[in-house]
């Protein structure tokens, strides 16, 4: 007999089972409105920390919900225009990366302070 905690079950009235909008762990979410009384509690809780860009993984940790559940809630809010998603910019080339030699000198310089 299993005596561990049961897995949390989630039911969202919107009917989404798979997120339609692209988002991953590092996608930044920004709220476009303030929470209202008619919103689901989870939706209100997402909007609060997202007044400033907040990564999906941070939202998941704050809400103490699985990332997949947060992604589904994200779709509801995104489709309603309540949040926007900002995807991290990919590096275009190795030439646009910081100089490795300089980065290696930083810890030594900080140690000398």
N, C-alpha and C. Protein backbone atom coordinates (compact mmCIF):
# COMPACT_ATOMS: atom_id res chain seq x y z
N UNK A 1 0.84 -1.18 0.00
CA UNK A 1 0.00 0.00 0.00
C UNK A 1 0.88 1.24 0.00
N UNK A 2 0.58 2.19 -0.89
CA UNK A 2 1.34 3.43 -1.00
C UNK A 2 0.86 4.41 0.05
N UNK A 3 1.80 4.90 0.87
CA UNK A 3 1.44 5.85 1.93
C UNK A 3 1.90 7.26 1.61
N UNK A 4 2.46 7.48 0.39
CA UNK A 4 2.94 8.80 0.01
C UNK A 4 1.80 9.74 -0.32
N UNK A 5 2.13 11.00 -0.53
CA UNK A 5 1.13 11.99 -0.89
C UNK A 5 0.62 11.71 -2.30
N UNK A 6 -0.68 11.80 -2.51
CA UNK A 6 -1.20 11.57 -3.86
C UNK A 6 -0.81 12.73 -4.77
N UNK A 7 -0.72 12.44 -6.07
CA UNK A 7 -0.45 13.49 -7.03
C UNK A 7 -1.60 14.47 -7.04
N UNK A 8 -1.26 15.75 -7.24
CA UNK A 8 -2.31 16.76 -7.30
C UNK A 8 -3.02 16.64 -8.65
N UNK A 9 -4.32 16.75 -8.61
CA UNK A 9 -5.11 16.69 -9.83
C UNK A 9 -5.58 18.10 -10.15
N UNK A 10 -5.60 18.44 -11.43
CA UNK A 10 -5.97 19.78 -11.85
C UNK A 10 -7.13 19.72 -12.82
N UNK A 11 -8.09 20.59 -12.62
CA UNK A 11 -9.20 20.72 -13.55
C UNK A 11 -9.36 22.19 -13.86
N UNK A 12 -9.31 22.51 -15.12
CA UNK A 12 -9.47 23.89 -15.54
C UNK A 12 -10.72 23.98 -16.39
N UNK A 13 -11.66 24.84 -16.03
CA UNK A 13 -12.92 24.92 -16.74
C UNK A 13 -12.82 25.34 -18.19
N UNK A 14 -11.70 25.90 -18.61
CA UNK A 14 -11.58 26.35 -19.99
C UNK A 14 -11.52 25.19 -20.97
N UNK A 15 -11.22 24.01 -20.50
CA UNK A 15 -11.21 22.84 -21.37
C UNK A 15 -9.90 22.59 -22.08
N UNK A 16 -8.88 23.39 -21.82
CA UNK A 16 -7.59 23.16 -22.46
C UNK A 16 -6.93 21.92 -21.86
N UNK A 17 -6.41 21.09 -22.73
CA UNK A 17 -5.63 19.97 -22.22
C UNK A 17 -4.19 20.08 -22.69
N UNK A 18 -3.97 20.82 -23.78
CA UNK A 18 -2.62 21.04 -24.29
C UNK A 18 -2.48 22.51 -24.64
N UNK A 19 -1.38 23.13 -24.22
CA UNK A 19 -1.21 24.54 -24.54
C UNK A 19 -1.02 24.76 -26.03
N UNK A 20 -1.67 25.78 -26.57
CA UNK A 20 -1.56 26.05 -28.00
C UNK A 20 -0.47 27.06 -28.29
N UNK A 21 -0.12 27.91 -27.34
CA UNK A 21 0.91 28.92 -27.55
C UNK A 21 2.26 28.37 -27.12
N UNK A 22 3.31 28.73 -27.85
CA UNK A 22 4.65 28.29 -27.52
C UNK A 22 5.12 28.96 -26.24
N UNK A 23 5.57 28.18 -25.32
CA UNK A 23 6.24 28.71 -24.14
C UNK A 23 7.08 27.58 -23.55
N UNK A 24 8.19 27.98 -22.95
CA UNK A 24 9.04 27.00 -22.29
C UNK A 24 9.44 27.54 -20.92
N UNK A 25 10.35 26.89 -20.27
CA UNK A 25 10.72 27.27 -18.90
C UNK A 25 11.23 28.70 -18.77
N UNK A 26 11.92 29.20 -19.79
CA UNK A 26 12.53 30.52 -19.69
C UNK A 26 11.73 31.62 -20.37
N UNK A 27 10.56 31.29 -20.92
CA UNK A 27 9.72 32.32 -21.52
C UNK A 27 9.30 33.31 -20.45
N UNK A 28 9.46 34.59 -20.74
CA UNK A 28 9.09 35.64 -19.79
C UNK A 28 7.64 36.04 -20.00
N UNK A 29 6.88 36.13 -18.93
CA UNK A 29 5.48 36.48 -18.97
C UNK A 29 5.30 37.86 -18.34
N UNK A 30 4.51 38.71 -19.01
CA UNK A 30 4.24 40.05 -18.50
C UNK A 30 2.73 40.24 -18.49
N UNK A 31 2.17 40.64 -17.35
CA UNK A 31 0.72 40.87 -17.26
C UNK A 31 0.38 42.18 -17.96
N UNK A 32 -0.76 42.18 -18.63
CA UNK A 32 -1.25 43.35 -19.35
C UNK A 32 -2.43 44.00 -18.63
N UNK A 33 -2.81 43.44 -17.49
CA UNK A 33 -3.93 43.98 -16.72
C UNK A 33 -3.77 43.59 -15.26
N UNK A 34 -4.62 44.12 -14.44
CA UNK A 34 -4.65 43.75 -13.03
C UNK A 34 -5.63 42.59 -12.85
N UNK A 35 -5.43 41.76 -11.82
CA UNK A 35 -6.38 40.68 -11.55
C UNK A 35 -7.77 41.24 -11.22
N UNK A 36 -8.79 40.50 -11.63
CA UNK A 36 -10.17 40.88 -11.31
C UNK A 36 -10.84 39.78 -10.51
N UNK A 37 -11.92 40.09 -9.84
CA UNK A 37 -12.61 39.15 -8.96
C UNK A 37 -13.18 37.95 -9.71
N UNK A 38 -13.54 38.10 -10.97
CA UNK A 38 -14.18 37.00 -11.71
C UNK A 38 -13.18 35.96 -12.20
N UNK A 39 -11.89 36.25 -12.13
CA UNK A 39 -10.86 35.32 -12.61
C UNK A 39 -10.69 34.14 -11.66
N UNK A 40 -10.22 33.04 -12.23
CA UNK A 40 -9.86 31.90 -11.40
C UNK A 40 -8.73 32.33 -10.46
N UNK A 41 -8.68 31.75 -9.26
CA UNK A 41 -7.61 32.13 -8.31
C UNK A 41 -6.21 31.94 -8.91
N UNK A 42 -6.00 30.87 -9.68
CA UNK A 42 -4.69 30.64 -10.28
C UNK A 42 -4.34 31.74 -11.27
N UNK A 43 -5.33 32.20 -12.05
CA UNK A 43 -5.09 33.28 -13.00
C UNK A 43 -4.69 34.56 -12.26
N UNK A 44 -5.38 34.85 -11.20
CA UNK A 44 -5.05 36.04 -10.40
C UNK A 44 -3.64 35.92 -9.84
N UNK A 45 -3.28 34.73 -9.39
CA UNK A 45 -1.96 34.52 -8.79
C UNK A 45 -0.84 34.61 -9.84
N UNK A 46 -1.14 34.30 -11.09
CA UNK A 46 -0.15 34.45 -12.16
C UNK A 46 0.07 35.92 -12.48
N UNK A 47 -1.01 36.69 -12.54
CA UNK A 47 -0.90 38.09 -12.92
C UNK A 47 -0.12 38.92 -11.91
N UNK A 48 -0.22 38.58 -10.66
CA UNK A 48 0.41 39.37 -9.60
C UNK A 48 1.93 39.49 -9.78
N UNK A 49 2.68 38.38 -9.84
CA UNK A 49 4.14 38.53 -9.97
C UNK A 49 4.58 38.97 -11.37
N UNK A 50 3.68 38.91 -12.33
CA UNK A 50 4.05 39.21 -13.72
C UNK A 50 3.90 40.68 -14.08
N UNK A 51 3.77 41.53 -13.08
CA UNK A 51 3.79 42.97 -13.38
C UNK A 51 5.13 43.33 -14.00
N UNK A 52 6.14 42.57 -13.66
CA UNK A 52 7.46 42.67 -14.27
C UNK A 52 7.71 41.35 -14.96
N UNK A 53 8.52 41.31 -16.03
CA UNK A 53 8.78 40.03 -16.73
C UNK A 53 9.22 38.94 -15.76
N UNK A 54 8.50 37.83 -15.79
CA UNK A 54 8.77 36.70 -14.90
C UNK A 54 8.82 35.42 -15.72
N UNK A 55 9.84 34.61 -15.51
CA UNK A 55 10.00 33.36 -16.26
C UNK A 55 8.93 32.35 -15.84
N UNK A 56 8.52 31.54 -16.80
CA UNK A 56 7.51 30.52 -16.53
C UNK A 56 7.92 29.61 -15.37
N UNK A 57 9.19 29.27 -15.29
CA UNK A 57 9.65 28.40 -14.22
C UNK A 57 9.48 29.07 -12.85
N UNK A 58 9.66 30.39 -12.79
CA UNK A 58 9.46 31.12 -11.54
C UNK A 58 7.98 31.12 -11.15
N UNK A 59 7.11 31.31 -12.13
CA UNK A 59 5.67 31.29 -11.86
C UNK A 59 5.26 29.93 -11.31
N UNK A 60 5.77 28.88 -11.92
CA UNK A 60 5.48 27.53 -11.47
C UNK A 60 5.92 27.33 -10.03
N UNK A 61 7.09 27.84 -9.67
CA UNK A 61 7.59 27.70 -8.30
C UNK A 61 6.75 28.51 -7.32
N UNK A 62 6.40 29.73 -7.69
CA UNK A 62 5.61 30.59 -6.79
C UNK A 62 4.23 29.99 -6.55
N UNK A 63 3.60 29.48 -7.61
CA UNK A 63 2.26 28.91 -7.48
C UNK A 63 2.27 27.50 -6.90
N UNK A 64 3.45 26.90 -6.87
CA UNK A 64 3.58 25.51 -6.42
C UNK A 64 2.71 24.59 -7.26
N UNK A 65 2.75 24.84 -8.58
CA UNK A 65 2.03 24.02 -9.55
C UNK A 65 3.04 23.42 -10.52
N UNK A 66 2.69 22.29 -11.09
CA UNK A 66 3.54 21.69 -12.11
C UNK A 66 3.61 22.62 -13.31
N UNK A 67 4.75 22.59 -14.00
CA UNK A 67 4.96 23.47 -15.14
C UNK A 67 3.89 23.27 -16.21
N UNK A 68 3.48 22.03 -16.45
CA UNK A 68 2.45 21.78 -17.48
C UNK A 68 1.13 22.45 -17.12
N UNK A 69 0.79 22.48 -15.84
CA UNK A 69 -0.44 23.16 -15.42
C UNK A 69 -0.33 24.67 -15.63
N UNK A 70 0.83 25.23 -15.33
CA UNK A 70 1.05 26.66 -15.53
C UNK A 70 0.98 27.00 -17.01
N UNK A 71 1.49 26.13 -17.87
CA UNK A 71 1.41 26.37 -19.32
C UNK A 71 -0.04 26.45 -19.78
N UNK A 72 -0.89 25.60 -19.25
CA UNK A 72 -2.31 25.62 -19.63
C UNK A 72 -2.97 26.91 -19.16
N UNK A 73 -2.67 27.32 -17.93
CA UNK A 73 -3.20 28.59 -17.42
C UNK A 73 -2.68 29.76 -18.25
N UNK A 74 -1.44 29.68 -18.69
CA UNK A 74 -0.83 30.70 -19.54
C UNK A 74 -1.63 30.87 -20.82
N UNK A 75 -2.04 29.78 -21.42
CA UNK A 75 -2.81 29.85 -22.68
C UNK A 75 -4.12 30.59 -22.45
N UNK A 76 -4.81 30.29 -21.36
CA UNK A 76 -6.07 30.98 -21.06
C UNK A 76 -5.86 32.49 -20.99
N UNK A 77 -4.85 32.90 -20.23
CA UNK A 77 -4.58 34.32 -20.06
C UNK A 77 -4.08 34.96 -21.35
N UNK A 78 -3.25 34.25 -22.09
CA UNK A 78 -2.71 34.75 -23.36
C UNK A 78 -3.83 34.94 -24.38
N UNK A 79 -4.70 33.94 -24.51
CA UNK A 79 -5.81 34.02 -25.46
C UNK A 79 -6.77 35.16 -25.12
N UNK A 80 -6.88 35.49 -23.83
CA UNK A 80 -7.76 36.58 -23.40
C UNK A 80 -7.06 37.94 -23.47
N UNK A 81 -5.78 37.96 -23.87
CA UNK A 81 -5.04 39.21 -23.97
C UNK A 81 -4.61 39.78 -22.63
N UNK A 82 -4.62 38.96 -21.59
CA UNK A 82 -4.28 39.42 -20.24
C UNK A 82 -2.78 39.38 -19.96
N UNK A 83 -2.03 38.59 -20.75
CA UNK A 83 -0.58 38.52 -20.60
C UNK A 83 0.06 38.47 -21.98
N UNK A 84 1.33 38.80 -22.03
CA UNK A 84 2.12 38.62 -23.24
C UNK A 84 3.33 37.77 -22.88
N UNK A 85 3.82 37.05 -23.87
CA UNK A 85 4.98 36.19 -23.68
C UNK A 85 6.15 36.80 -24.44
N UNK A 86 7.28 36.84 -23.78
CA UNK A 86 8.52 37.34 -24.40
C UNK A 86 9.52 36.20 -24.38
N UNK A 87 9.86 35.74 -25.54
CA UNK A 87 10.79 34.63 -25.63
C UNK A 87 12.22 35.15 -25.62
N UNK A 88 13.11 34.47 -24.90
CA UNK A 88 14.51 34.91 -24.88
C UNK A 88 15.09 34.95 -26.29
N UNK A 89 15.92 35.93 -26.52
CA UNK A 89 16.54 36.06 -27.84
C UNK A 89 17.66 35.04 -27.97
N UNK A 90 17.69 34.38 -29.09
CA UNK A 90 18.76 33.43 -29.35
C UNK A 90 19.99 34.19 -29.83
N UNK A 91 21.16 33.68 -29.49
CA UNK A 91 22.40 34.27 -29.97
C UNK A 91 22.53 33.96 -31.45
N UNK A 92 22.83 34.97 -32.21
CA UNK A 92 22.90 34.80 -33.66
C UNK A 92 24.19 34.13 -34.11
N UNK A 93 25.29 34.46 -33.48
CA UNK A 93 26.55 33.86 -33.90
C UNK A 93 27.53 33.88 -32.74
N UNK A 94 28.60 33.12 -32.90
CA UNK A 94 29.64 33.08 -31.86
C UNK A 94 30.30 34.44 -31.72
N UNK A 95 30.33 35.22 -32.80
CA UNK A 95 30.96 36.54 -32.76
C UNK A 95 30.20 37.50 -31.84
N UNK A 96 28.91 37.27 -31.62
CA UNK A 96 28.13 38.17 -30.77
C UNK A 96 28.23 37.81 -29.29
N UNK A 97 28.88 36.70 -28.97
CA UNK A 97 29.07 36.30 -27.57
C UNK A 97 30.18 37.13 -26.93
N UNK A 98 30.13 37.30 -25.60
CA UNK A 98 31.21 38.04 -24.93
C UNK A 98 32.55 37.32 -25.12
N UNK A 99 33.62 38.08 -25.04
CA UNK A 99 34.96 37.54 -25.17
C UNK A 99 35.25 36.59 -24.00
N UNK A 100 35.59 35.35 -24.32
CA UNK A 100 35.85 34.33 -23.30
C UNK A 100 37.01 34.71 -22.40
N UNK A 101 38.05 35.27 -22.97
CA UNK A 101 39.22 35.65 -22.16
C UNK A 101 38.84 36.69 -21.11
N UNK A 102 38.00 37.64 -21.50
CA UNK A 102 37.54 38.66 -20.55
C UNK A 102 36.70 38.03 -19.44
N UNK A 103 35.80 37.12 -19.80
CA UNK A 103 34.96 36.46 -18.79
C UNK A 103 35.80 35.65 -17.81
N UNK A 104 36.89 35.06 -18.28
CA UNK A 104 37.76 34.30 -17.39
C UNK A 104 38.51 35.19 -16.41
N UNK A 105 38.73 36.46 -16.78
CA UNK A 105 39.44 37.39 -15.91
C UNK A 105 38.53 37.99 -14.82
N UNK A 106 37.24 37.96 -15.03
CA UNK A 106 36.30 38.57 -14.09
C UNK A 106 36.42 38.00 -12.69
N UNK A 107 36.38 36.67 -12.49
CA UNK A 107 36.49 36.15 -11.11
C UNK A 107 37.80 36.55 -10.43
N UNK A 108 38.90 36.60 -11.21
CA UNK A 108 40.17 37.00 -10.62
C UNK A 108 40.14 38.47 -10.22
N UNK A 109 39.52 39.30 -11.04
CA UNK A 109 39.40 40.72 -10.71
C UNK A 109 38.53 40.96 -9.49
N UNK A 110 37.43 40.20 -9.41
CA UNK A 110 36.54 40.33 -8.25
C UNK A 110 37.21 39.83 -6.97
N UNK A 111 38.04 38.81 -7.12
CA UNK A 111 38.76 38.28 -5.95
C UNK A 111 39.76 39.28 -5.39
N UNK A 112 40.26 40.16 -6.24
CA UNK A 112 41.22 41.15 -5.82
C UNK A 112 40.61 42.35 -5.11
N UNK A 113 39.29 42.43 -5.14
CA UNK A 113 38.64 43.58 -4.50
C UNK A 113 38.62 43.47 -3.03
